[in-house]
Protein backbone atom coordinates (compact mmCIF):
# COMPACT_ATOMS: atom_id res chain seq x y z
CA MET A 1 25.05 1.23 3.66
CA LYS A 2 22.49 3.17 5.68
CA SER A 3 21.15 1.51 8.79
CA THR A 4 17.68 -0.02 8.80
CA SER A 5 17.07 2.06 11.93
CA SER A 6 16.10 4.98 9.67
CA PRO A 7 12.33 5.51 9.50
CA CYS A 8 10.29 4.64 6.42
CA VAL A 9 7.89 7.26 5.14
CA LEU A 10 4.95 6.80 2.82
CA ILE A 11 3.47 9.13 0.21
CA GLY A 12 0.36 8.21 -1.75
CA ASP A 13 -2.00 9.79 -4.22
CA ILE A 14 -4.99 8.81 -6.33
CA VAL A 15 -4.45 7.07 -9.67
CA ALA A 16 -8.01 6.72 -10.89
CA SER A 17 -11.51 6.73 -9.51
CA ARG A 18 -14.80 5.38 -10.78
CA VAL A 19 -16.52 8.12 -8.79
CA SER A 20 -14.19 10.96 -9.76
CA HIS A 21 -17.17 13.17 -10.63
CA ASP A 22 -17.88 13.43 -6.91
CA ARG A 23 -14.69 14.56 -5.21
CA GLN A 24 -16.32 14.54 -1.77
CA VAL A 25 -17.08 10.83 -2.12
CA VAL A 26 -13.47 10.15 -3.09
CA HIS A 27 -12.13 12.27 -0.25
CA ASP A 28 -14.35 10.54 2.30
CA ALA A 29 -13.30 7.13 0.98
CA VAL A 30 -9.61 7.99 1.34
CA VAL A 31 -10.13 9.33 4.87
CA GLY A 32 -11.95 6.16 5.84
CA ALA A 33 -9.24 3.94 4.36
CA LEU A 34 -6.52 5.84 6.22
CA GLU A 35 -8.40 5.66 9.53
CA THR A 36 -9.03 1.93 9.15
CA THR A 37 -5.40 1.27 8.27
CA GLU A 38 -4.13 3.37 11.16
CA THR A 39 -6.00 1.19 13.63
CA VAL A 40 -4.36 -1.96 12.27
CA VAL A 41 -0.88 -0.62 11.46
CA PRO A 42 -0.24 2.43 13.68
CA SER A 43 2.14 4.97 12.17
CA LEU A 44 4.63 7.10 14.07
CA ARG A 45 2.75 10.37 13.72
CA GLY A 46 -0.56 9.53 12.07
CA LEU A 47 -1.46 8.49 8.53
CA ARG A 48 -3.12 11.61 7.14
CA ILE A 49 -4.22 13.56 4.07
CA THR A 50 -1.95 16.51 3.36
CA VAL A 51 -2.75 18.39 0.13
CA GLY A 52 -5.80 17.45 -1.93
CA ASP A 53 -6.05 13.67 -1.83
CA GLU A 54 -2.34 13.08 -1.24
CA PHE A 55 -1.63 11.26 2.01
CA GLN A 56 1.46 10.65 4.11
CA GLY A 57 2.65 8.62 7.05
CA ALA A 58 5.86 7.48 8.76
CA TYR A 59 6.72 4.04 10.15
CA ALA A 60 9.51 2.52 12.21
CA THR A 61 10.07 -0.34 9.75
CA LEU A 62 9.85 -0.94 6.03
CA GLY A 63 7.55 -3.88 6.67
CA ALA A 64 5.03 -1.72 8.52
CA ALA A 65 5.04 0.87 5.73
CA LEU A 66 4.47 -1.78 3.06
CA ASP A 67 1.76 -3.38 5.21
CA ALA A 68 -0.05 -0.04 5.49
CA ALA A 69 0.37 0.64 1.77
CA LEU A 70 -1.40 -2.54 0.72
CA ARG A 71 -4.16 -2.15 3.30
CA VAL A 72 -4.95 1.39 2.14
CA ARG A 73 -5.11 0.25 -1.45
CA LEU A 74 -7.36 -2.73 -0.74
CA ALA A 75 -9.68 -0.59 1.39
CA LEU A 76 -10.26 1.67 -1.65
CA LEU A 77 -10.37 -0.80 -4.54
CA PRO A 78 -12.14 -1.32 -6.88
CA ASP A 79 -13.69 2.16 -7.00
CA VAL A 80 -10.53 4.14 -6.20
CA ASP A 81 -6.91 3.18 -6.82
CA VAL A 82 -3.78 4.81 -5.44
CA ARG A 83 -0.07 4.84 -6.14
CA ILE A 84 2.25 4.75 -3.14
CA GLY A 85 5.93 5.44 -2.64
CA VAL A 86 7.85 4.29 0.44
CA GLY A 87 11.17 5.94 1.24
CA ARG A 88 13.76 5.07 3.85
CA GLY A 89 16.02 7.78 5.21
CA ALA A 90 16.52 10.51 7.75
CA VAL A 91 13.55 12.77 8.51
CA THR A 92 13.57 16.32 9.87
CA VAL A 93 10.48 17.70 11.62
CA LEU A 94 10.23 21.33 10.53
CA ASP A 95 6.92 22.23 12.17
CA PRO A 96 5.62 19.75 14.78
CA ALA A 97 2.33 21.61 15.23
CA ARG A 98 1.47 21.43 11.53
CA GLY A 99 3.13 18.10 10.89
CA ILE A 100 5.52 19.51 8.28
CA GLU A 101 8.54 17.27 7.70
CA ASP A 102 11.44 17.13 5.26
CA GLY A 103 14.63 15.19 4.65
CA PRO A 104 16.09 12.32 2.61
CA GLY A 105 13.35 9.90 3.67
CA TRP A 106 10.66 12.09 2.15
CA TRP A 107 12.73 12.78 -0.96
CA ALA A 108 13.15 9.03 -1.43
CA ALA A 109 9.39 8.46 -1.04
CA ARG A 110 8.65 11.16 -3.61
CA ALA A 111 11.11 9.56 -6.03
CA ALA A 112 9.38 6.22 -5.49
CA VAL A 113 5.97 7.69 -6.32
CA GLU A 114 7.36 9.28 -9.47
CA HIS A 115 8.91 5.97 -10.50
CA VAL A 116 5.60 4.16 -10.03
CA GLU A 117 3.79 6.77 -12.12
CA ALA A 118 6.32 6.46 -14.93
CA ALA A 119 6.33 2.65 -14.81
CA ALA A 120 2.53 2.50 -15.04
CA GLU A 121 2.77 4.25 -18.42
CA ARG A 122 4.57 1.21 -19.85
CA SER A 123 2.57 -1.88 -20.79
CA PRO A 124 4.74 -4.49 -19.03
CA THR A 125 4.53 -2.63 -15.71
CA ARG A 126 1.13 -0.97 -16.04
CA THR A 127 -0.21 -2.62 -12.86
CA LEU A 128 2.59 -1.31 -10.63
CA ARG A 129 1.21 0.82 -7.79
CA THR A 130 3.86 0.57 -5.06
CA GLY A 131 7.53 1.53 -5.14
CA HIS A 132 10.46 1.79 -2.76
CA ARG A 133 13.52 4.03 -2.65
CA ALA A 134 16.18 4.63 0.00
CA GLU A 135 18.42 7.49 1.02
CA ASP A 136 21.36 5.36 -0.09
CA PRO A 137 20.88 4.87 -3.88
CA ASP A 138 23.23 1.87 -3.80
CA ASP A 139 21.29 -0.07 -1.16
CA PRO A 140 20.92 -3.55 -2.78
CA ARG A 141 17.78 -4.28 -0.76
CA VAL A 142 15.81 -1.71 -2.75
CA ASP A 143 15.87 -3.71 -6.00
CA ALA A 144 14.81 -6.89 -4.21
CA VAL A 145 11.85 -5.17 -2.56
CA ASN A 146 10.78 -3.53 -5.81
CA ALA A 147 10.92 -6.87 -7.62
CA ALA A 148 8.56 -8.34 -5.02
CA LEU A 149 6.23 -5.33 -5.23
CA LEU A 150 6.13 -5.54 -9.02
CA CYS A 151 4.97 -9.16 -8.89
CA ARG A 152 2.56 -8.58 -6.00
CA ASP A 153 0.94 -5.56 -7.65
CA HIS A 154 0.54 -7.48 -10.90
CA LEU A 155 -1.45 -10.15 -9.07
CA VAL A 156 -3.56 -7.58 -7.21
CA GLY A 157 -4.20 -5.66 -10.42
CA SER A 158 -5.46 -8.83 -12.10
CA LEU A 159 -8.08 -9.68 -9.47
CA SER A 160 -11.83 -9.40 -9.96
CA ASP A 161 -13.93 -7.31 -7.60
CA ARG A 162 -14.96 -10.40 -5.62
CA SER A 163 -11.37 -11.62 -5.34
CA LEU A 164 -10.31 -8.18 -4.13
CA ARG A 165 -12.92 -8.39 -1.37
CA LEU A 166 -11.69 -11.85 -0.41
CA LEU A 167 -8.08 -10.67 -0.30
CA GLU A 168 -8.99 -7.66 1.82
CA GLY A 169 -10.94 -9.89 4.18
CA LEU A 170 -8.13 -12.40 4.53
CA MET A 171 -5.70 -9.61 5.43
CA HIS A 172 -7.42 -9.72 8.81
CA PRO A 173 -6.16 -12.85 10.63
CA ASP A 174 -9.41 -13.39 12.55
CA THR A 175 -11.47 -13.62 9.35
CA THR A 176 -12.08 -17.13 8.05
CA GLN A 177 -12.84 -18.32 4.56
CA ALA A 178 -16.18 -19.62 5.85
CA GLU A 179 -17.13 -16.13 7.04
CA LEU A 180 -16.15 -14.65 3.69
CA ALA A 181 -18.16 -17.31 1.87
CA GLU A 182 -21.25 -16.32 3.86
CA ARG A 183 -20.73 -12.65 3.05
CA GLU A 184 -20.36 -13.41 -0.65
CA GLY A 185 -23.25 -15.87 -0.77
CA VAL A 186 -21.07 -18.70 -2.08
CA SER A 187 -19.76 -21.98 -0.69
CA ALA A 188 -16.60 -22.21 1.39
CA SER A 189 -15.10 -24.49 -1.26
CA ALA A 190 -15.71 -21.81 -3.91
CA VAL A 191 -13.78 -19.30 -1.80
CA SER A 192 -10.95 -21.78 -1.25
CA GLN A 193 -10.75 -22.50 -4.97
CA ARG A 194 -10.64 -18.81 -5.82
CA VAL A 195 -7.91 -18.17 -3.24
CA ARG A 196 -5.77 -20.79 -4.97
CA ALA A 197 -6.64 -20.11 -8.60
CA ASP A 198 -6.53 -16.30 -8.52
CA GLY A 199 -3.24 -16.05 -6.68
CA ILE A 200 -4.79 -14.59 -3.52
CA GLY A 201 -2.82 -17.06 -1.42
CA ALA A 202 0.40 -15.99 -3.15
CA VAL A 203 -0.33 -12.32 -2.44
CA LEU A 204 -0.93 -13.10 1.23
CA ALA A 205 2.27 -15.16 1.48
CA ALA A 206 4.32 -12.42 -0.18
CA HIS A 207 2.72 -9.85 2.09
CA GLU A 208 3.71 -11.78 5.20
CA LEU A 209 7.33 -11.82 4.05
CA LEU A 210 7.34 -8.13 3.15
CA ARG A 211 5.68 -6.98 6.36
CA ALA A 212 8.41 -8.70 8.39
CA LEU A 213 11.15 -6.53 6.87
CA PRO A 214 13.03 -4.38 9.43
C-alpha cells in the first residue's frame, strides 16, 4: 500500500452555471473562489486556473485537498457548480516556471473527475460532485472516502440557496449562528432549526472528519 506521505492533487471543472451566457462572470467567480479558498487552506504551489475554467492544486494531505474542494464549491454555489477529483500519488514537476506537472497523482485525480462525471449521469448518484482515486488501485481507504463523499454531496446537493449560505458561513469557525441570522434577516432559532433539519450539521461533522485525514 502506498504511503500517505504522497501528495494529494486536485482537478476541478465547471458542471453547470446559471450565468453561462457570460463567460467572464463565470471566470471571475471561479478566480475569486480559488483565491478565497487559498487563504483558508493554502496549497503547496497555488490553487489556480489552468485551461479554460479548469483549476488545479496540490496539498500535503488528503484532508486539506477535500477541505479545499468543498470550500471552492460552496463559494460558487448556487450560481455555478463544479466537479472535483482528488488524486493521491507521486507528482513530477516538468516545468517549474509554468507550473506544469505530471505523474500518478495527477492521473488519479483525472480518473476521479471522470468517475464523478459518469456517476452524475445516473439518477441514484446525480448529486455526486467530488471523487477520490489513488495511485494504488487496491488502496482500501479510497472506497471509504468515496462513500463519505457520496453521502456528503447528496446532502449539499439537496440544500436550498439559504441553507447553502448558512453552510458556507459555518465553515468559518469564527462565524456564529447569530451573525448568520442577522445577515439572513431571520431569528437565531430559525437558523438553528434549519441547521438541524436540513442536515447542515451533518455536513459540517462529516467535513471535520474528512479534513483530518492524513
